[in-house]
Amino acid sequence: MSSNLNPVSRLFDISVPIIQAGMVWCSGWRLASAVSQAGGLGLIGAGSMYPEVLREHIRKCKQATSKPFGVNIPLLYPEIEKLMTVVEEEDVRIVFTSAGNPSLWTGFLKERNVRVVHVVSSVKFAKKAQQAGVDAVVAEGFEAGGHNGREETTTFVLLPMVREAITIPLIAAGGIASGRAILASEALGAQGFQVGSRFAVSEESSAHPNFKKRVTELTEGDTVLTLKQLTPVRMIKNKFFQQIQEAEFRGASKEELHQLLGKRRAKLGIFEGNTEEGELEIGQVSSAIRKIQPASEILIELWREYEVLKKTLCS
């Protein structure tokens, strides 16, 4: 299982160009190390971590695997300077940034010999990311879980447009949960493939068992992109989602929505397992996920299916 000629595999020195997304309350050191050890690129999701917690996860990940791994950092994080200090002090070599302006921190990271990748939801921001000097771009369609783009551009519409607009490696995200989706993304110009939802419900994910079980029971249409006045986020329909929807329908202000959202809703739902009162973020493709598997098994299954399908189509 190898793809040494692939530019994303070469960029990160990994066997297969599959990246595990950095997801709040799901992607700690156990998941990241498991994916990296299996030949992909695991990411520690720093968005839900205090700086010293991130430091602990980086150190544990290094103990668990000698393979490359990275850290995902939302640039709107309130203590971004402290997170970047931890990344520098712990000698992290790969950083994925999202939710902010890449020009603010890309130079800092590149000066420290860090590979930098930025997540975008539009052609406009893909161009800006390349201008900022990043090594690769993740183009994420609105099918994805968690925070999302206001444009609501789907992955398969976004990919070819971004491919034409940039020259650096392109990683697809949003709805990538099968070898078939990987092959289709490759046909549209992607060279790497970021997988979130399937790894979010893996055995090594730090998400609560209640959350994982709920995801495997979802059917088509059970997730919706909402909170468009603030930062759009894809959520599972539950009691909390209904409260958000009712508030938006009656014209609630941004301040009211912020108050309703609070600071712990995602933790309450994903990490603590309250599937009615918590904010349950997951991708649209979750309706196709039916089982909880080890991360290594997911990665191997994805790549083998991709290879079989590609061979079949090319024969």
Protein backbone atom coordinates (compact mmCIF):
# COMPACT_ATOMS: atom_id res chain seq x y z
CA MET A 1 0.00 0.00 0.00
CA SER A 2 2.06 2.91 -1.28
CA SER A 3 1.74 6.00 -3.49
CA ASN A 4 5.26 7.43 -3.50
CA LEU A 5 4.71 9.33 -6.76
CA ASN A 6 1.81 11.28 -5.32
CA PRO A 7 2.73 14.93 -4.51
CA VAL A 8 0.77 14.94 -1.23
CA SER A 9 2.42 11.70 -0.10
CA ARG A 10 5.83 13.22 -0.89
CA LEU A 11 4.98 16.48 0.84
CA PHE A 12 4.24 14.75 4.14
CA ASP A 13 6.43 11.63 3.68
CA ILE A 14 3.45 9.27 4.06
CA SER A 15 2.51 6.03 2.30
CA VAL A 16 -0.97 7.00 1.11
CA PRO A 17 -2.39 10.53 0.58
CA ILE A 18 -5.22 10.15 3.09
CA ILE A 19 -5.41 12.80 5.81
CA GLN A 20 -7.50 12.44 8.94
CA ALA A 21 -9.24 15.75 9.55
CA GLY A 22 -8.53 17.75 12.69
CA MET A 23 -11.89 17.63 14.46
CA VAL A 24 -12.84 19.20 17.79
CA TRP A 25 -13.43 16.66 20.57
CA CYS A 26 -12.65 13.74 18.22
CA SER A 27 -9.03 13.93 17.09
CA GLY A 28 -6.65 13.59 19.97
CA TRP A 29 -3.31 11.79 20.00
CA ARG A 30 -4.82 8.29 19.90
CA LEU A 31 -6.60 8.87 16.61
CA ALA A 32 -3.80 10.90 15.03
CA SER A 33 -1.13 8.33 15.91
CA ALA A 34 -3.29 5.42 14.70
CA VAL A 35 -3.86 7.01 11.29
CA SER A 36 -0.20 7.97 10.91
CA GLN A 37 0.99 4.55 12.00
CA ALA A 38 -1.25 2.99 9.34
CA GLY A 39 0.37 5.07 6.58
CA GLY A 40 -1.79 8.19 6.32
CA LEU A 41 -1.44 11.56 8.01
CA GLY A 42 -3.06 11.96 11.41
CA LEU A 43 -3.93 15.41 12.73
CA ILE A 44 -4.40 16.51 16.33
CA GLY A 45 -7.36 18.91 16.46
CA ALA A 46 -6.20 21.87 18.57
CA GLY A 47 -9.49 23.77 18.32
CA SER A 48 -10.84 22.18 21.51
CA MET A 49 -7.57 22.20 23.45
CA TYR A 50 -5.89 24.55 25.88
CA PRO A 51 -2.22 25.13 24.97
CA GLU A 52 -0.85 22.77 27.62
CA VAL A 53 -3.36 20.08 26.65
CA LEU A 54 -2.13 20.38 23.06
CA ARG A 55 1.44 19.99 24.30
CA GLU A 56 0.47 16.79 26.12
CA HIS A 57 -1.21 15.35 23.03
CA ILE A 58 1.79 16.16 20.81
CA ARG A 59 4.16 14.42 23.21
CA LYS A 60 1.93 11.36 23.54
CA CYS A 61 1.54 11.17 19.76
CA LYS A 62 5.33 11.18 19.34
CA GLN A 63 5.58 8.34 21.84
CA ALA A 64 2.88 6.35 20.02
CA THR A 65 4.31 6.65 16.50
CA SER A 66 7.53 7.58 14.74
CA LYS A 67 5.56 8.43 11.57
CA PRO A 68 4.73 12.03 10.52
CA PHE A 69 1.66 13.66 12.06
CA GLY A 70 0.38 17.21 12.23
CA VAL A 71 -1.73 19.68 14.19
CA ASN A 72 -4.85 21.46 12.97
CA ILE A 73 -5.18 25.01 14.31
CA PRO A 74 -8.23 27.25 13.76
CA LEU A 75 -6.75 30.72 13.27
CA LEU A 76 -9.64 32.36 15.12
CA TYR A 77 -8.65 30.52 18.31
CA PRO A 78 -8.55 33.15 21.12
CA GLU A 79 -5.07 32.13 22.34
CA ILE A 80 -3.54 31.47 18.93
CA GLU A 81 -0.13 32.84 19.96
CA LYS A 82 0.13 30.28 22.76
CA LEU A 83 -0.81 27.42 20.43
CA MET A 84 1.83 28.49 17.92
CA THR A 85 4.40 28.67 20.71
CA VAL A 86 3.58 25.08 21.67
CA VAL A 87 3.92 24.00 18.03
CA GLU A 88 7.34 25.67 17.85
CA GLU A 89 8.60 24.35 21.19
CA GLU A 90 7.44 20.79 20.47
CA ASP A 91 8.98 20.83 16.98
CA VAL A 92 5.78 20.05 15.08
CA ARG A 93 6.58 19.78 11.37
CA ILE A 94 3.10 19.84 9.80
CA VAL A 95 0.34 22.37 10.56
CA PHE A 96 -3.10 22.63 8.94
CA THR A 97 -4.72 26.02 9.51
CA SER A 98 -8.38 26.93 9.07
CA ALA A 99 -11.01 29.54 9.93
CA GLY A 100 -8.93 32.67 9.40
CA ASN A 101 -6.41 34.56 7.31
CA PRO A 102 -3.43 32.30 6.40
CA SER A 103 -1.15 35.28 5.76
CA LEU A 104 -1.05 35.99 9.51
CA TRP A 105 0.84 32.81 10.53
CA THR A 106 2.12 31.07 7.40
CA GLY A 107 5.36 33.08 7.37
CA PHE A 108 6.00 32.35 11.04
CA LEU A 109 5.56 28.62 10.45
CA LYS A 110 7.54 28.48 7.20
CA GLU A 111 10.47 30.23 8.87
CA ARG A 112 10.52 27.30 11.30
CA ASN A 113 10.57 24.71 8.51
CA VAL A 114 6.93 23.69 9.02
CA ARG A 115 4.79 22.33 6.18
CA VAL A 116 1.67 24.53 6.09
CA VAL A 117 -1.72 23.62 4.64
CA HIS A 118 -4.78 25.88 4.73
CA VAL A 119 -8.43 24.83 4.54
CA VAL A 120 -10.67 26.86 2.21
CA SER A 121 -14.26 26.76 0.98
CA SER A 122 -13.92 28.95 -2.12
CA VAL A 123 -11.69 29.70 -5.09
CA LYS A 124 -11.07 33.20 -3.73
CA PHE A 125 -9.59 31.91 -0.50
CA ALA A 126 -7.63 29.17 -2.27
CA LYS A 127 -5.84 31.87 -4.27
CA LYS A 128 -5.18 33.89 -1.12
CA ALA A 129 -3.78 30.82 0.62
CA GLN A 130 -1.38 30.16 -2.25
CA GLN A 131 -0.31 33.82 -2.22
CA ALA A 132 0.35 33.51 1.52
CA GLY A 133 2.89 30.77 0.78
CA VAL A 134 1.18 27.60 2.00
CA ASP A 135 2.44 24.24 0.73
CA ALA A 136 -1.01 22.84 -0.12
CA VAL A 137 -4.69 23.70 0.07
CA VAL A 138 -7.64 21.70 1.38
CA ALA A 139 -10.76 22.51 -0.65
CA GLU A 140 -13.71 21.65 1.57
CA GLY A 141 -17.23 21.47 0.21
CA PHE A 142 -20.28 22.32 2.29
CA GLU A 143 -21.06 18.60 2.76
CA ALA A 144 -18.38 18.61 5.44
CA GLY A 145 -19.07 18.49 9.16
CA GLY A 146 -18.20 21.25 11.60
CA HIS A 147 -17.70 24.82 10.45
CA ASN A 148 -18.22 25.50 6.80
CA GLY A 149 -18.29 28.05 4.00
CA ARG A 150 -21.15 30.50 3.50
CA GLU A 151 -21.08 29.92 -0.24
CA GLU A 152 -22.47 26.38 0.19
CA THR A 153 -20.38 25.16 -2.74
CA THR A 154 -20.31 21.38 -2.94
CA THR A 155 -17.04 19.48 -2.99
CA PHE A 156 -17.38 18.29 -6.57
CA VAL A 157 -18.16 21.79 -7.84
CA LEU A 158 -15.36 23.36 -5.79
CA LEU A 159 -12.53 20.96 -6.64
CA PRO A 160 -12.14 21.57 -10.41
CA MET A 161 -12.43 25.33 -9.97
CA VAL A 162 -9.74 25.38 -7.28
CA ARG A 163 -7.56 23.04 -9.34
CA GLU A 164 -7.59 25.53 -12.20
CA ALA A 165 -6.87 28.46 -9.87
CA ILE A 166 -3.79 27.16 -8.01
CA THR A 167 -0.58 25.30 -8.82
CA ILE A 168 0.23 23.80 -5.41
CA PRO A 169 -1.08 20.38 -4.25
CA LEU A 170 -4.85 20.14 -3.73
CA ILE A 171 -6.52 18.06 -1.03
CA ALA A 172 -10.24 17.25 -1.25
CA ALA A 173 -12.52 17.37 1.79
CA GLY A 174 -16.24 17.11 2.39
CA GLY A 175 -18.07 13.87 1.67
CA ILE A 176 -14.90 11.77 1.33
CA ALA A 177 -15.81 8.51 3.07
CA SER A 178 -15.17 5.80 0.48
CA GLY A 179 -12.64 4.67 -2.11
CA ARG A 180 -15.20 5.61 -4.75
CA ALA A 181 -15.27 9.21 -3.47
CA ILE A 182 -11.47 9.30 -3.45
CA LEU A 183 -11.33 8.20 -7.09
CA ALA A 184 -13.98 10.73 -8.11
CA SER A 185 -12.11 13.50 -6.27
CA GLU A 186 -8.90 12.53 -8.04
CA ALA A 187 -10.67 12.79 -11.39
CA LEU A 188 -11.65 16.35 -10.48
CA GLY A 189 -8.08 17.38 -9.67
CA ALA A 190 -7.43 16.38 -6.06
CA GLN A 191 -4.13 14.76 -5.11
CA GLY A 192 -4.86 14.21 -1.43
CA PHE A 193 -8.02 13.23 0.43
CA GLN A 194 -9.10 14.48 3.85
CA VAL A 195 -11.51 12.20 5.72
CA GLY A 196 -13.42 13.46 8.73
CA SER A 197 -16.71 11.75 9.52
CA ARG A 198 -15.51 8.15 9.24
CA PHE A 199 -12.56 8.82 11.53
CA ALA A 200 -14.81 10.79 13.91
CA VAL A 201 -16.60 7.55 14.76
CA SER A 202 -13.52 5.32 14.73
CA GLU A 203 -12.54 3.31 17.80
CA GLU A 204 -9.67 5.71 18.54
CA SER A 205 -11.77 8.87 18.23
CA SER A 206 -12.12 10.67 21.56
CA ALA A 207 -15.81 11.31 20.86
CA HIS A 208 -18.31 9.84 23.32
CA PRO A 209 -19.80 6.40 22.49
CA ASN A 210 -23.28 8.00 22.48
CA PHE A 211 -22.21 10.37 19.71
CA LYS A 212 -20.65 7.58 17.65
CA LYS A 213 -23.75 5.42 17.99
CA ARG A 214 -26.00 8.34 16.97
CA VAL A 215 -23.91 8.94 13.84
CA THR A 216 -24.18 5.31 12.72
CA GLU A 217 -27.98 5.56 12.99
CA LEU A 218 -28.38 8.66 10.80
CA THR A 219 -30.34 8.62 7.58
CA GLU A 220 -30.32 10.94 4.58
CA GLY A 221 -31.24 14.50 5.55
CA ASP A 222 -30.46 14.15 9.25
CA THR A 223 -27.74 16.84 9.10
CA VAL A 224 -28.28 20.50 8.19
CA LEU A 225 -26.02 23.51 7.64
CA THR A 226 -27.15 26.14 10.12
CA LEU A 227 -26.01 29.22 12.11
CA LYS A 228 -25.28 31.06 8.86
CA GLN A 229 -25.45 34.44 10.64
CA LEU A 230 -22.45 33.43 12.76
CA THR A 231 -20.13 30.76 11.37
CA PRO A 232 -22.03 28.13 9.35
CA VAL A 233 -21.88 24.69 10.95
CA ARG A 234 -23.35 21.34 9.91
CA MET A 235 -25.25 19.71 12.75
CA ILE A 236 -27.35 16.65 13.42
CA LYS A 237 -31.01 17.46 13.95
CA ASN A 238 -31.74 17.18 17.68
CA LYS A 239 -33.41 19.20 20.44
CA PHE A 240 -30.62 21.82 20.45
CA PHE A 241 -30.76 22.14 16.65
CA GLN A 242 -34.51 22.78 16.89
CA GLN A 243 -33.86 25.61 19.38
CA ILE A 244 -31.35 27.16 16.98
CA GLN A 245 -33.73 26.80 14.04
CA GLU A 246 -36.66 28.35 15.92
CA ALA A 247 -34.48 31.28 17.00
CA GLU A 248 -33.32 31.89 13.42
CA PHE A 249 -36.87 31.70 12.06
CA ARG A 250 -38.07 34.39 14.44
CA GLY A 251 -35.15 36.64 13.48
CA ALA A 252 -32.93 36.27 16.53
CA SER A 253 -29.95 38.62 16.63
CA LYS A 254 -26.36 37.43 16.48
CA GLU A 255 -26.06 38.20 20.20
CA GLU A 256 -29.05 35.95 20.98
CA LEU A 257 -27.64 33.16 18.87
CA HIS A 258 -24.23 33.47 20.55
CA GLN A 259 -25.92 33.24 23.94
CA LEU A 260 -27.92 30.18 22.90
CA LEU A 261 -24.84 28.50 21.46
CA GLY A 262 -22.76 29.18 24.55
CA LYS A 263 -19.20 27.89 24.93
CA ARG A 264 -19.68 24.23 25.72
CA ARG A 265 -22.32 22.94 23.33
CA ALA A 266 -19.97 20.94 21.08
CA LYS A 267 -18.17 19.47 24.09
CA LEU A 268 -21.51 18.60 25.70
CA GLY A 269 -22.67 16.71 22.64
CA ILE A 270 -19.57 15.18 21.06
CA PHE A 271 -17.29 14.62 24.06
CA GLU A 272 -19.77 14.22 26.92
CA GLY A 273 -22.42 12.35 24.95
CA ASN A 274 -25.55 14.45 25.50
CA THR A 275 -27.08 13.85 22.10
CA GLU A 276 -30.13 16.08 22.63
CA GLU A 277 -28.79 19.20 24.34
CA GLY A 278 -25.35 19.19 22.70
CA GLU A 279 -24.14 20.50 19.34
CA LEU A 280 -23.49 17.41 17.21
CA GLU A 281 -21.21 18.28 14.30
CA ILE A 282 -20.77 15.69 11.54
CA GLY A 283 -20.62 15.56 7.74
CA GLN A 284 -23.49 14.93 5.37
CA VAL A 285 -21.92 11.62 4.35
CA SER A 286 -22.51 10.32 7.87
CA SER A 287 -25.79 8.79 6.65
CA ALA A 288 -23.65 6.21 4.83
CA ILE A 289 -21.60 5.23 7.91
CA ARG A 290 -22.93 2.14 9.63
CA LYS A 291 -20.14 0.85 11.85
CA ILE A 292 -17.41 1.87 14.27
CA GLN A 293 -14.01 0.59 13.11
CA PRO A 294 -10.34 0.89 14.07
CA ALA A 295 -8.73 3.84 12.27
CA SER A 296 -6.17 1.60 10.57
CA GLU A 297 -8.96 -0.58 9.17
CA ILE A 298 -10.76 2.48 7.80
CA LEU A 299 -7.64 3.75 6.06
CA ILE A 300 -6.77 0.38 4.52
CA GLU A 301 -10.37 -0.15 3.40
CA LEU A 302 -10.52 3.28 1.75
CA TRP A 303 -7.30 2.84 -0.17
CA ARG A 304 -7.94 -0.74 -1.28
CA GLU A 305 -11.38 0.18 -2.60
CA TYR A 306 -9.85 3.12 -4.46
CA GLU A 307 -7.14 0.94 -6.03
CA VAL A 308 -9.60 -1.77 -7.11
CA LEU A 309 -12.00 0.74 -8.66
CA LYS A 310 -9.24 2.62 -10.46
CA LYS A 311 -7.83 -0.59 -11.89
CA THR A 312 -11.29 -1.65 -13.03
CA LEU A 313 -12.03 1.67 -14.73
CA CYS A 314 -8.63 1.81 -16.42
CA SER A 315 -8.70 -1.79 -17.71
